[in-house]
Amino acid sequence: MDKIIGGQLVAEALIERGVDYVFSLSGGHITPIYQYLENSKITIFDTRHEQAAVFMAEAWARMNRKPAVAMVTAGPGFTNALSGIASARLSNTPVILIAGCVGLESVEKLDLQDMAQLPVISPMVKKAFVCQIAERIPEYIDMAFRTAMSGRPGPVYLELPCDILNATIDPAKVKKMHTRLDSKPVDRENTAKIVDLLKAAKNPVVIAGSGAWYADAGEELIAFVEKAGIPVFTAGAARGIVPDTHPLCFESSMAIRPGAAMLGLLSTDLVLFLGDSLSLFYIFGEIFPAAAKFVQVDILADEIGRNRTVDLGIVSDINSFLAELNGILDESVCAGLREQFKPWVSTLIGAEKESKEQARSMWECETLPIHPMRLAKEVNDYMDREDDIVVADGGDTTVWMGMTRTVRKGGAYLDYGLYGCLAVGLPYAIAAKLKNPDKRVLAIMGDGSTGFNFMEYHTAIRKKIPIVVVIGNDQAWGMIMHSQTLRMGHHIPDGTELGWVDYHKMVEALGGFGICVEKPEDIRPALEAAFASGKTACINVKVDPSVISPGSVALANLGGYKSS
């Protein structure tokens, strides 16, 4: 039988797994894999920076709810990928990072791009593997995929030394494995206890987080809130699984967002916390009343009880949990619950209306330079189709968009989440358009974020991926500038001021569409022109650098510091 090399085993295993794209930047240590991916069923999607490749894989995995593959070369390629992996860890995204490294025979010889990669990345991933026997490459790829999707999803690292990739192998000695995990556990005994908690509650809320998205629990969640008449908020990757337009959905659980979240979270007496984490976004659990009953459901047992004592903890897949709960709730009980919760729902409707009315002055602001929340509103109003996809990136820019975006469908809104890593905008948007070529995809970014992965504009242009990017250009690292002013009474120009940059002209020079906007009434015509161009587009919008977002206020108070 003909001999093969390790790189061929990698390619064949990825093809067997049904991988569509490998997001990557080339390098000598991974060329043995490249040569067998060329002209295969898998497309190598090459980027201008390894960080962007991992961010694209993160977005691809989040939208598809299955593992995505990023591949980088040794040393600098590996270290460039770390921010993306850290982001995937906190967004619970099943990214598989394959990295080359120096050959086993060259360790400690000062070979090119040599470094100890494993100890660096091990704390950042669910599990880190190094394959040191070429014949076992398919086994290791199988383990990587299984680990990424078992329990709570997350990133996995697989290191393949270049001499293992170049090793000649007898195919008869290769053990090919392909295990799928389909188990969806449910805690039936404890799920039944929730009925009594619901009957005793007056002001309950459901908060559905990323675990509900990965469990594909949208239909069961909608069925539950409609049966029980209970208000629901969504968070993280779950934004849109119950449309914001649903009468029982009060949009994002972000308390600073105009709407009912602040009152709902502060006044509830029963929280059903489904597949989310009690992170900073909930003041580490302190935003909820101490006396409120708290039910936490998560596929990861270790997550239950973080930052708060829970009254009922259930280890379960969210979809299976909701299906079980819906089966327990009979119509007579549900009719009583719907009537019981009507006053609470009415209270939240009133709070939402009042809060949004207070925000109207910012959404409709006519002053110059343009108010950044007016920009967010114009984007939100234009991107009004159910399947439009919006990506947010930047400090203040993400806050303003998060306070404004109406999400009508799951997987249609992406931001950097808890890790807060700038530079995701272009990679996320490119991946979103790659997955959804017939849908409109828009990224809204700050000018600071734009600088990190700017050359991914070139990636989109040369690959003919027509995304539209709106830059809220305040000529500064706005969130840092404002938080410094709140803390010290002034900002430090070095490190905060950027000055005006004609990003739109730079994109034009690369072959895209560019336009500058300085008046609020010109935003919508610019959006129309950008999408009509059929090109990768940049709308460079001059926004007011003096406006302070709630995110800047929070940053000023980070670590307990109180502004004077």
Protein backbone atom coordinates (compact mmCIF):
# COMPACT_ATOMS: atom_id res chain seq x y z
CA MET A 1 0.00 0.00 0.00
CA ASP A 2 1.24 3.54 -0.79
CA LYS A 3 2.81 5.52 2.01
CA ILE A 4 1.26 8.82 3.16
CA ILE A 5 2.44 11.67 5.38
CA GLY A 6 0.97 13.18 8.53
CA GLY A 7 -0.26 16.31 6.80
CA GLN A 8 -2.47 14.19 4.57
CA LEU A 9 -4.02 12.52 7.62
CA VAL A 10 -4.93 15.94 9.02
CA ALA A 11 -6.61 17.00 5.78
CA GLU A 12 -8.49 13.71 5.43
CA ALA A 13 -9.71 13.83 9.04
CA LEU A 14 -11.02 17.39 8.64
CA ILE A 15 -12.76 16.46 5.40
CA GLU A 16 -14.33 13.45 7.11
CA ARG A 17 -15.63 15.81 9.80
CA GLY A 18 -17.42 17.90 7.19
CA VAL A 19 -15.33 21.02 7.77
CA ASP A 20 -16.14 23.65 5.13
CA TYR A 21 -13.49 26.27 5.86
CA VAL A 22 -10.15 26.39 7.61
CA PHE A 23 -9.46 29.97 8.67
CA SER A 24 -5.75 30.45 8.48
CA LEU A 25 -2.62 32.37 7.66
CA SER A 26 0.03 30.27 5.95
CA GLY A 27 3.42 29.30 7.35
CA GLY A 28 6.13 26.75 6.80
CA HIS A 29 5.24 24.61 9.79
CA ILE A 30 1.71 23.92 8.45
CA THR A 31 2.50 23.65 4.74
CA PRO A 32 2.26 19.81 4.89
CA ILE A 33 -1.43 20.28 5.74
CA TYR A 34 -1.98 23.01 3.15
CA GLN A 35 -0.70 20.82 0.33
CA TYR A 36 -3.45 18.26 0.98
CA LEU A 37 -6.20 20.82 1.58
CA GLU A 38 -5.51 22.38 -1.79
CA ASN A 39 -8.17 21.35 -4.32
CA SER A 40 -10.07 19.45 -1.61
CA LYS A 41 -13.64 19.89 -0.34
CA ILE A 42 -12.29 22.30 2.27
CA THR A 43 -11.60 25.94 1.44
CA ILE A 44 -8.56 27.56 3.02
CA PHE A 45 -9.79 31.02 3.98
CA ASP A 46 -6.62 33.05 4.36
CA THR A 47 -6.46 36.26 6.37
CA ARG A 48 -3.91 39.02 6.86
CA HIS A 49 -3.39 38.26 10.55
CA GLU A 50 -3.76 35.12 12.63
CA GLN A 51 -5.91 36.96 15.17
CA ALA A 52 -8.47 37.62 12.45
CA ALA A 53 -8.44 33.95 11.42
CA VAL A 54 -9.38 32.84 14.94
CA PHE A 55 -12.06 35.53 15.25
CA MET A 56 -13.55 34.33 11.96
CA ALA A 57 -13.58 30.78 13.27
CA GLU A 58 -15.23 32.01 16.47
CA ALA A 59 -18.00 33.76 14.54
CA TRP A 60 -18.44 30.76 12.23
CA ALA A 61 -18.74 28.38 15.19
CA ARG A 62 -21.17 30.64 17.04
CA MET A 63 -23.48 31.01 14.05
CA ASN A 64 -23.37 27.32 13.09
CA ARG A 65 -23.38 25.94 16.65
CA LYS A 66 -20.65 23.47 15.75
CA PRO A 67 -16.84 23.43 15.82
CA ALA A 68 -14.89 25.65 13.46
CA VAL A 69 -11.20 25.29 12.64
CA ALA A 70 -8.46 27.90 12.68
CA MET A 71 -4.92 26.94 11.72
CA VAL A 72 -1.72 28.87 12.38
CA THR A 73 1.98 28.35 12.08
CA ALA A 74 4.50 28.09 14.92
CA GLY A 75 5.81 30.80 17.24
CA PRO A 76 4.56 34.22 16.11
CA GLY A 77 1.61 32.66 14.29
CA PHE A 78 0.64 30.90 17.50
CA THR A 79 1.02 33.94 19.75
CA ASN A 80 -0.96 36.10 17.31
CA ALA A 81 -3.86 33.69 17.73
CA LEU A 82 -4.13 33.92 21.51
CA SER A 83 -6.57 36.84 21.80
CA GLY A 84 -9.06 35.01 19.61
CA ILE A 85 -8.79 31.88 21.73
CA ALA A 86 -9.29 33.85 24.95
CA SER A 87 -12.40 35.39 23.41
CA ALA A 88 -13.72 31.98 22.38
CA ARG A 89 -13.23 30.70 25.91
CA LEU A 90 -15.42 33.40 27.46
CA SER A 91 -18.00 33.17 24.67
CA ASN A 92 -18.15 29.37 25.08
CA THR A 93 -17.39 28.87 21.40
CA PRO A 94 -16.13 25.54 19.98
CA VAL A 95 -13.07 26.76 18.08
CA ILE A 96 -10.41 24.18 17.29
CA LEU A 97 -7.02 25.82 16.92
CA ILE A 98 -4.51 23.70 15.05
CA ALA A 99 -0.95 24.99 15.32
CA GLY A 100 2.30 23.83 13.88
CA CYS A 101 5.45 23.85 15.94
CA VAL A 102 9.11 22.90 15.59
CA GLY A 103 9.85 19.24 15.11
CA LEU A 104 10.31 16.98 18.10
CA GLU A 105 13.87 16.36 17.03
CA SER A 106 14.59 20.11 17.15
CA VAL A 107 13.33 20.93 20.64
CA GLU A 108 15.88 22.95 22.65
CA LYS A 109 18.13 23.35 19.61
CA LEU A 110 17.11 26.98 18.99
CA ASP A 111 15.25 26.14 15.80
CA LEU A 112 13.33 28.84 13.90
CA GLN A 113 10.20 30.10 15.71
CA ASP A 114 10.67 27.68 18.58
CA MET A 115 8.76 28.24 21.81
CA ALA A 116 6.95 26.21 24.44
CA GLN A 117 3.43 26.73 23.13
CA LEU A 118 1.54 24.16 25.21
CA PRO A 119 2.04 25.73 28.67
CA VAL A 120 1.01 29.13 27.31
CA ILE A 121 -2.34 28.06 25.92
CA SER A 122 -3.35 25.24 28.26
CA PRO A 123 -5.09 27.54 30.81
CA MET A 124 -7.01 29.25 27.98
CA VAL A 125 -8.77 26.22 26.46
CA LYS A 126 -10.99 23.32 27.52
CA LYS A 127 -8.13 21.00 26.70
CA ALA A 128 -4.79 21.14 24.90
CA PHE A 129 -3.38 18.21 22.93
CA VAL A 130 0.00 17.53 21.35
CA CYS A 131 0.21 14.67 18.89
CA GLN A 132 3.66 13.09 18.91
CA ILE A 133 2.91 9.98 16.86
CA ALA A 134 1.90 10.58 13.26
CA GLU A 135 -0.30 7.49 12.99
CA ARG A 136 -2.50 8.86 15.80
CA ILE A 137 -3.37 12.17 14.11
CA PRO A 138 -6.99 11.11 13.31
CA GLU A 139 -7.49 10.08 16.92
CA TYR A 140 -6.33 13.46 18.16
CA ILE A 141 -8.57 15.33 15.74
CA ASP A 142 -11.48 13.19 16.91
CA MET A 143 -10.65 14.04 20.54
CA ALA A 144 -10.44 17.74 19.69
CA PHE A 145 -13.89 17.79 18.08
CA ARG A 146 -15.46 15.73 20.87
CA THR A 147 -13.98 17.94 23.57
CA ALA A 148 -15.02 21.18 21.87
CA MET A 149 -18.70 20.18 21.89
CA SER A 150 -19.02 18.04 25.01
CA GLY A 151 -20.91 19.72 27.86
CA ARG A 152 -20.50 23.48 27.61
CA PRO A 153 -18.81 24.24 24.25
CA GLY A 154 -15.39 25.84 24.20
CA PRO A 155 -12.05 26.12 22.40
CA VAL A 156 -9.57 23.26 22.04
CA TYR A 157 -5.92 23.36 21.03
CA LEU A 158 -4.17 20.76 18.89
CA GLU A 159 -0.42 21.05 18.34
CA LEU A 160 1.22 19.16 15.49
CA PRO A 161 5.05 19.22 15.28
CA CYS A 162 6.28 19.70 11.73
CA ASP A 163 8.26 16.44 11.68
CA ILE A 164 5.07 14.60 12.64
CA LEU A 165 3.28 16.29 9.74
CA ASN A 166 6.10 15.30 7.38
CA ALA A 167 6.46 11.77 8.73
CA THR A 168 5.87 8.91 6.31
CA ILE A 169 3.14 6.55 7.51
CA ASP A 170 1.80 3.16 6.60
CA PRO A 171 -2.00 3.68 6.24
CA ALA A 172 -2.62 0.20 7.63
CA LYS A 173 -1.35 1.39 11.00
CA VAL A 174 -3.74 4.35 11.20
CA LYS A 175 -6.77 4.10 13.47
CA LYS A 176 -9.50 6.39 12.14
CA MET A 177 -12.13 7.51 14.63
CA HIS A 178 -15.23 9.65 14.30
CA THR A 179 -17.36 9.81 17.42
CA ARG A 180 -20.41 12.06 17.73
CA LEU A 181 -21.90 13.11 21.05
CA ASP A 182 -25.67 13.51 20.90
CA SER A 183 -26.61 13.09 24.57
CA LYS A 184 -28.77 15.89 26.01
CA PRO A 185 -29.14 15.25 29.73
CA VAL A 186 -32.08 16.55 31.73
CA ASP A 187 -32.71 16.60 35.50
CA ARG A 188 -36.38 15.55 35.61
CA GLU A 189 -36.74 15.44 39.40
CA ASN A 190 -35.56 19.00 39.97
CA THR A 191 -37.28 20.38 36.88
CA ALA A 192 -40.62 19.39 38.41
CA LYS A 193 -39.88 21.60 41.44
CA ILE A 194 -40.00 24.71 39.28
CA VAL A 195 -43.79 24.50 38.97
CA ASP A 196 -44.17 25.22 42.69
CA LEU A 197 -41.71 28.11 42.47
CA LEU A 198 -43.70 29.61 39.60
CA LYS A 199 -46.96 29.31 41.52
CA ALA A 200 -45.41 31.20 44.45
CA ALA A 201 -43.95 34.02 42.34
CA LYS A 202 -45.40 37.41 41.43
CA ASN A 203 -42.52 38.98 39.48
CA PRO A 204 -40.61 36.19 37.72
CA VAL A 205 -38.15 36.66 34.87
CA VAL A 206 -36.45 34.28 32.49
CA ILE A 207 -32.92 35.13 31.35
CA ALA A 208 -31.66 33.02 28.46
CA GLY A 209 -27.94 33.09 27.70
CA SER A 210 -25.57 31.51 25.22
CA GLY A 211 -26.30 28.01 26.52
CA ALA A 212 -29.84 28.37 25.19
CA TRP A 213 -28.48 29.29 21.75
CA TYR A 214 -26.06 26.38 21.57
CA ALA A 215 -28.82 24.01 22.71
CA ASP A 216 -31.06 25.34 19.90
CA ALA A 217 -33.70 26.03 22.52
CA GLY A 218 -35.54 28.90 20.82
CA GLU A 219 -38.76 27.06 20.02
CA GLU A 220 -39.03 25.46 23.45
CA LEU A 221 -38.27 28.79 25.14
CA ILE A 222 -40.97 30.61 23.20
CA ALA A 223 -43.41 27.81 23.99
CA PHE A 224 -42.60 28.07 27.71
CA VAL A 225 -42.93 31.85 28.05
CA GLU A 226 -46.20 31.81 26.10
CA LYS A 227 -47.64 28.96 28.16
CA ALA A 228 -46.70 30.57 31.48
CA GLY A 229 -47.09 34.22 30.44
CA ILE A 230 -43.66 34.95 31.87
CA PRO A 231 -41.36 37.79 30.68
CA VAL A 232 -38.05 36.84 29.11
CA PHE A 233 -34.74 38.61 28.52
CA THR A 234 -31.95 37.33 26.27
CA ALA A 235 -28.20 37.69 26.54
CA GLY A 236 -25.01 36.87 24.66
CA ALA A 237 -25.37 34.47 21.76
CA ALA A 238 -29.04 33.95 22.69
CA ARG A 239 -30.03 37.44 21.54
CA GLY A 240 -32.89 36.97 19.12
CA ILE A 241 -33.82 33.36 19.89
CA VAL A 242 -36.97 34.96 21.21
CA PRO A 243 -37.41 37.96 18.92
CA ASP A 244 -37.20 41.35 20.63
CA THR A 245 -40.56 42.06 18.96
CA HIS A 246 -42.30 39.20 20.81
CA PRO A 247 -44.84 40.62 23.33
CA LEU A 248 -43.23 38.72 26.22
CA CYS A 249 -39.62 39.46 25.26
CA PHE A 250 -38.16 42.56 26.87
CA GLU A 251 -35.04 42.44 24.74
CA SER A 252 -31.56 42.37 26.21
CA SER A 253 -30.85 41.64 29.87
CA MET A 254 -28.28 44.47 29.77
CA ALA A 255 -29.50 46.75 32.56
CA ILE A 256 -28.12 49.93 30.95
CA ARG A 257 -30.21 49.39 27.81
CA PRO A 258 -33.28 51.60 27.47
CA GLY A 259 -36.15 49.27 28.26
CA ALA A 260 -37.39 47.15 31.14
CA ALA A 261 -34.22 45.26 32.09
CA MET A 262 -33.18 47.54 34.96
CA LEU A 263 -36.56 47.37 36.69
CA GLY A 264 -37.03 43.71 35.84
CA LEU A 265 -33.73 42.58 37.32
CA LEU A 266 -33.96 44.83 40.38
CA SER A 267 -37.57 43.89 41.22
CA THR A 268 -37.89 40.21 40.39
CA ASP A 269 -38.77 37.61 42.98
CA LEU A 270 -37.90 34.56 40.85
CA VAL A 271 -35.10 34.24 38.31
CA LEU A 272 -34.90 31.36 35.85
CA PHE A 273 -31.30 31.72 34.69
CA LEU A 274 -30.79 29.53 31.65
CA GLY A 275 -27.34 28.93 30.20
CA ASP A 276 -25.82 32.24 31.26
CA SER A 277 -23.10 33.30 33.71
CA LEU A 278 -23.40 35.62 36.71
CA SER A 279 -20.68 37.87 35.39
CA LEU A 280 -19.90 41.57 35.51
CA PHE A 281 -22.98 42.16 33.35
CA TYR A 282 -25.13 41.27 36.38
CA ILE A 283 -22.82 42.96 38.88
CA PHE A 284 -21.71 39.41 39.75
CA GLY A 285 -25.24 38.57 40.86
CA GLU A 286 -25.72 41.64 43.05
CA ILE A 287 -28.25 43.25 40.70
CA PHE A 288 -30.91 40.72 41.73
CA PRO A 289 -32.74 41.12 45.05
CA ALA A 290 -31.18 39.03 47.80
CA ALA A 291 -34.59 37.61 48.66
CA ALA A 292 -35.38 36.54 45.09
CA LYS A 293 -35.54 32.82 44.44
CA PHE A 294 -32.85 31.84 41.97
CA VAL A 295 -32.94 28.84 39.64
CA GLN A 296 -29.84 28.24 37.55
CA VAL A 297 -29.78 25.73 34.71
CA ASP A 298 -26.51 24.97 32.94
CA ILE A 299 -24.88 22.07 31.15
CA LEU A 300 -21.72 22.73 33.20
CA ALA A 301 -22.13 21.83 36.86
CA ASP A 302 -19.17 23.98 37.89
CA GLU A 303 -20.95 27.11 36.67
CA ILE A 304 -23.91 26.69 38.99
CA GLY A 305 -23.58 28.80 42.12
CA ARG A 306 -20.84 31.11 40.85
CA ASN A 307 -21.13 34.45 42.68
CA ARG A 308 -24.51 33.66 44.28
CA THR A 309 -26.19 30.95 46.30
CA VAL A 310 -28.89 29.38 44.14
CA ASP A 311 -32.12 27.93 45.46
CA LEU A 312 -32.30 25.30 42.75
CA GLY A 313 -29.43 24.23 40.53
CA ILE A 314 -30.11 21.99 37.55
CA VAL A 315 -27.43 20.41 35.38
CA SER A 316 -29.04 20.05 31.98
CA ASP A 317 -29.03 20.93 28.34
CA ILE A 318 -31.34 23.98 28.07
CA ASN A 319 -33.44 22.58 25.23
CA SER A 320 -34.03 19.30 27.07
CA PHE A 321 -34.82 21.15 30.30
CA LEU A 322 -37.42 23.36 28.62
CA ALA A 323 -38.97 20.43 26.76
CA GLU A 324 -39.34 18.60 30.08
CA LEU A 325 -40.76 21.67 31.80
CA ASN A 326 -43.24 22.30 29.00
CA GLY A 327 -44.38 18.71 29.31
CA ILE A 328 -44.99 19.10 33.04
CA LEU A 329 -46.99 22.33 32.78
CA ASP A 330 -50.61 21.45 32.06
CA GLU A 331 -53.02 24.03 30.66
CA SER A 332 -54.96 24.56 33.88
CA VAL A 333 -51.76 25.48 35.72
CA CYS A 334 -50.62 27.70 32.84
CA ALA A 335 -53.92 29.58 32.69
CA GLY A 336 -53.49 30.47 36.34
CA LEU A 337 -49.88 31.54 35.85
CA ARG A 338 -50.71 33.77 32.90
CA GLU A 339 -53.34 35.57 34.95
CA GLN A 340 -51.02 35.72 37.95
CA PHE A 341 -48.19 37.37 36.00
CA LYS A 342 -50.32 39.85 33.99
CA PRO A 343 -49.76 42.77 36.41
CA TRP A 344 -46.01 42.17 36.33
CA VAL A 345 -45.91 42.05 32.54
CA SER A 346 -47.92 45.28 32.42
CA THR A 347 -45.46 46.91 34.81
CA LEU A 348 -42.55 45.95 32.58
CA ILE A 349 -44.35 47.22 29.48
CA GLY A 350 -44.82 50.56 31.21
CA ALA A 351 -41.22 50.69 32.35
CA GLU A 352 -40.01 49.88 28.85
CA LYS A 353 -42.12 52.62 27.30
CA GLU A 354 -40.99 55.22 29.83
CA SER A 355 -37.30 54.31 29.56
CA LYS A 356 -37.31 54.39 25.77
CA GLU A 357 -39.08 57.74 25.81
CA GLN A 358 -36.26 59.10 27.97
CA ALA A 359 -33.71 57.80 25.44
CA ARG A 360 -35.51 59.33 22.48
CA SER A 361 -33.57 62.59 22.73
CA MET A 362 -30.34 60.70 22.03
CA TRP A 363 -31.77 58.47 19.31
CA GLU A 364 -33.23 61.48 17.49
CA CYS A 365 -30.47 63.99 18.33
CA GLU A 366 -29.83 66.55 15.54
CA THR A 367 -26.67 68.15 16.93
CA LEU A 368 -23.26 68.16 15.27
CA PRO A 369 -21.01 66.26 15.44
CA ILE A 370 -23.42 63.33 15.25
CA HIS A 371 -24.48 61.77 18.54
CA PRO A 372 -23.19 58.16 18.51
CA MET A 373 -26.55 56.83 19.68
CA ARG A 374 -28.23 58.59 16.74
CA LEU A 375 -25.81 56.70 14.51
CA ALA A 376 -26.76 53.42 16.23
CA LYS A 377 -30.46 54.21 15.74
CA GLU A 378 -29.99 54.96 12.04
CA VAL A 379 -28.18 51.64 11.61
CA ASN A 380 -30.87 49.80 13.56
CA ASP A 381 -33.69 51.36 11.54
CA TYR A 382 -32.03 50.58 8.22
CA MET A 383 -31.12 46.99 9.11
CA ASP A 384 -34.77 46.13 9.72
CA ARG A 385 -35.12 42.79 7.97
CA GLU A 386 -35.51 39.73 10.18
CA ASP A 387 -32.39 38.10 8.76
CA ASP A 388 -30.15 41.21 8.64
CA ILE A 389 -26.93 40.61 10.54
CA VAL A 390 -25.25 43.31 12.61
CA VAL A 391 -21.81 43.05 14.21
CA ALA A 392 -20.65 45.52 16.87
CA ASP A 393 -17.03 46.28 17.73
CA GLY A 394 -15.39 48.98 19.80
CA GLY A 395 -15.69 50.28 23.36
CA ASP A 396 -18.38 52.95 23.36
CA THR A 397 -19.59 51.92 19.90
CA THR A 398 -20.56 48.45 21.11
CA VAL A 399 -22.29 49.94 24.13
CA TRP A 400 -24.37 52.31 21.98
CA MET A 401 -25.29 49.54 19.54
CA GLY A 402 -26.07 47.14 22.35
CA MET A 403 -28.41 49.75 23.83
CA THR A 404 -30.20 50.13 20.51
CA ARG A 405 -30.22 47.00 18.35
CA THR A 406 -33.54 45.23 17.82
CA VAL A 407 -32.71 41.54 17.26
CA ARG A 408 -35.37 39.54 15.49
CA LYS A 409 -33.62 36.23 14.94
CA GLY A 410 -30.99 34.09 16.66
CA GLY A 411 -27.46 34.38 15.30
CA ALA A 412 -28.15 37.81 13.80
CA TYR A 413 -26.24 39.96 16.30
CA LEU A 414 -22.60 39.46 17.22
CA ASP A 415 -20.29 41.37 19.53
CA TYR A 416 -17.20 40.53 21.56
CA GLY A 417 -19.11 39.70 24.74
CA LEU A 418 -17.44 39.29 28.11
CA TYR A 419 -13.84 39.17 26.90
CA GLY A 420 -14.27 42.66 25.45
CA CYS A 421 -11.59 42.19 22.82
CA LEU A 422 -11.56 44.91 20.21
CA ALA A 423 -10.83 44.00 16.56
CA VAL A 424 -13.57 41.40 16.10
CA GLY A 425 -15.70 43.55 13.80
CA LEU A 426 -14.21 42.85 10.38
CA PRO A 427 -13.48 39.14 11.00
CA TYR A 428 -16.94 38.49 12.47
CA ALA A 429 -18.64 40.32 9.61
CA ILE A 430 -16.61 38.50 6.95
CA ALA A 431 -17.47 35.14 8.50
CA ALA A 432 -21.14 36.14 8.77
CA LYS A 433 -21.30 37.11 5.11
CA LEU A 434 -19.40 33.97 4.12
CA LYS A 435 -22.07 31.89 5.87
CA ASN A 436 -24.96 34.05 4.67
CA PRO A 437 -24.08 35.35 1.18
CA ASP A 438 -27.68 36.37 0.45
CA LYS A 439 -28.18 38.37 3.65
CA ARG A 440 -27.20 41.94 4.45
CA VAL A 441 -24.26 42.10 6.86
CA LEU A 442 -23.14 45.29 8.56
CA ALA A 443 -20.40 45.91 11.11
CA ILE A 444 -20.42 49.05 13.23
CA MET A 445 -17.03 49.82 14.75
CA GLY A 446 -15.11 52.47 16.62
CA ASP A 447 -12.16 54.13 14.92
CA GLY A 448 -9.80 52.64 17.49
CA SER A 449 -11.00 49.11 16.76
CA THR A 450 -10.68 49.74 13.05
CA GLY A 451 -6.91 50.00 13.32
CA PHE A 452 -6.32 46.53 14.72
CA ASN A 453 -7.37 44.39 11.78
CA PHE A 454 -7.70 47.06 9.12
CA MET A 455 -6.11 44.93 6.41
CA GLU A 456 -8.98 42.47 6.66
CA TYR A 457 -10.71 45.03 4.47
CA HIS A 458 -8.26 43.77 1.88
CA THR A 459 -9.25 40.19 2.68
CA ALA A 460 -12.92 41.00 2.08
CA ILE A 461 -12.20 42.96 -1.10
CA ARG A 462 -9.93 40.40 -2.74
CA LYS A 463 -12.37 37.61 -1.89
CA LYS A 464 -15.33 39.69 -3.10
CA ILE A 465 -17.22 39.62 0.19
CA PRO A 466 -19.45 42.72 0.18
CA ILE A 467 -19.86 43.68 3.82
CA VAL A 468 -20.72 47.22 4.88
CA VAL A 469 -18.72 48.72 7.73
CA VAL A 470 -19.80 51.84 9.59
CA ILE A 471 -17.08 53.57 11.61
CA GLY A 472 -18.17 55.79 14.49
CA ASN A 473 -15.16 58.07 14.32
CA ASP A 474 -14.69 60.13 17.49
CA GLN A 475 -10.97 60.51 16.76
CA ALA A 476 -10.04 58.87 20.05
CA TRP A 477 -10.00 55.82 22.24
CA GLY A 478 -13.31 57.19 23.48
CA MET A 479 -14.11 54.86 26.36
CA ILE A 480 -10.64 55.28 27.85
CA MET A 481 -10.66 59.03 27.29
CA HIS A 482 -14.01 59.45 29.00
CA SER A 483 -13.23 57.13 31.90
CA GLN A 484 -10.00 59.05 32.55
CA THR A 485 -11.95 62.31 32.58
CA LEU A 486 -14.42 60.87 35.07
CA ARG A 487 -11.63 59.58 37.30
CA MET A 488 -9.18 62.48 37.12
CA GLY A 489 -11.04 65.45 35.72
CA HIS A 490 -9.09 65.30 32.46
CA HIS A 491 -7.90 62.79 29.89
CA ILE A 492 -4.29 62.02 29.01
CA PRO A 493 -3.78 62.91 25.32
CA ASP A 494 -1.02 60.36 24.86
CA GLY A 495 -2.80 57.05 24.55
CA THR A 496 -6.31 58.43 24.02
CA GLU A 497 -6.29 60.92 21.11
CA LEU A 498 -6.10 59.53 17.57
CA GLY A 499 -7.05 62.44 15.34
CA TRP A 500 -9.08 62.25 12.17
CA VAL A 501 -8.27 59.48 9.67
CA ASP A 502 -9.84 59.16 6.21
CA TYR A 503 -10.56 55.46 6.58
CA HIS A 504 -13.07 55.64 3.74
CA LYS A 505 -10.36 56.81 1.34
CA MET A 506 -8.07 54.00 2.48
CA VAL A 507 -10.78 51.45 1.70
CA GLU A 508 -11.33 53.08 -1.68
CA ALA A 509 -7.62 52.74 -2.37
CA LEU A 510 -7.90 49.01 -1.65
CA GLY A 511 -10.71 48.71 -4.20
CA GLY A 512 -13.77 49.12 -1.98
CA PHE A 513 -16.50 51.72 -1.61
CA GLY A 514 -15.90 54.66 0.74
CA ILE A 515 -17.94 57.62 1.91
CA CYS A 516 -17.67 60.18 4.71
CA VAL A 517 -20.71 61.36 6.68
CA GLU A 518 -20.88 64.44 8.91
CA LYS A 519 -24.65 65.09 9.19
CA PRO A 520 -27.26 62.75 10.70
CA GLU A 521 -29.61 63.12 7.74
CA ASP A 522 -26.88 61.76 5.45
CA ILE A 523 -26.45 58.46 7.32
CA ARG A 524 -29.31 56.58 5.67
CA PRO A 525 -28.44 57.69 2.11
CA ALA A 526 -24.88 56.55 2.78
CA LEU A 527 -26.13 53.14 3.94
CA GLU A 528 -28.25 52.83 0.81
CA ALA A 529 -25.30 53.75 -1.42
CA ALA A 530 -22.94 51.38 0.36
CA PHE A 531 -25.20 48.36 0.00
CA ALA A 532 -26.07 49.30 -3.58
CA SER A 533 -22.38 49.41 -4.50
CA GLY A 534 -22.05 45.64 -4.16
CA LYS A 535 -18.56 46.18 -2.76
CA THR A 536 -16.88 45.97 0.60
CA ALA A 537 -17.79 49.39 1.92
CA CYS A 538 -16.65 51.87 4.56
CA ILE A 539 -18.91 54.63 5.89
CA ASN A 540 -16.72 56.93 7.98
CA VAL A 541 -19.01 58.87 10.33
CA LYS A 542 -17.84 61.86 12.34
CA VAL A 543 -19.39 61.41 15.80
CA ASP A 544 -19.34 63.61 18.87
CA PRO A 545 -16.24 62.84 20.99
CA SER A 546 -17.74 64.51 24.09
CA VAL A 547 -20.62 62.07 24.62
CA ILE A 548 -20.01 59.69 27.53
CA SER A 549 -21.55 56.21 27.42
CA PRO A 550 -22.68 54.15 30.43
CA GLY A 551 -19.81 51.81 29.56
CA SER A 552 -17.31 54.61 30.13
CA VAL A 553 -18.90 55.34 33.50
CA ALA A 554 -18.59 51.67 34.47
CA LEU A 555 -14.96 51.59 33.37
CA ALA A 556 -14.19 54.70 35.45
CA ASN A 557 -15.51 52.87 38.51
CA LEU A 558 -13.69 49.63 37.76
CA GLY A 559 -12.19 47.97 40.81
CA GLY A 560 -14.30 49.94 43.24
CA TYR A 561 -12.95 53.36 42.26
CA LYS A 562 -15.57 56.05 42.77
CA SER A 563 -15.33 59.13 40.59
CA SER A 564 -15.41 62.43 42.41
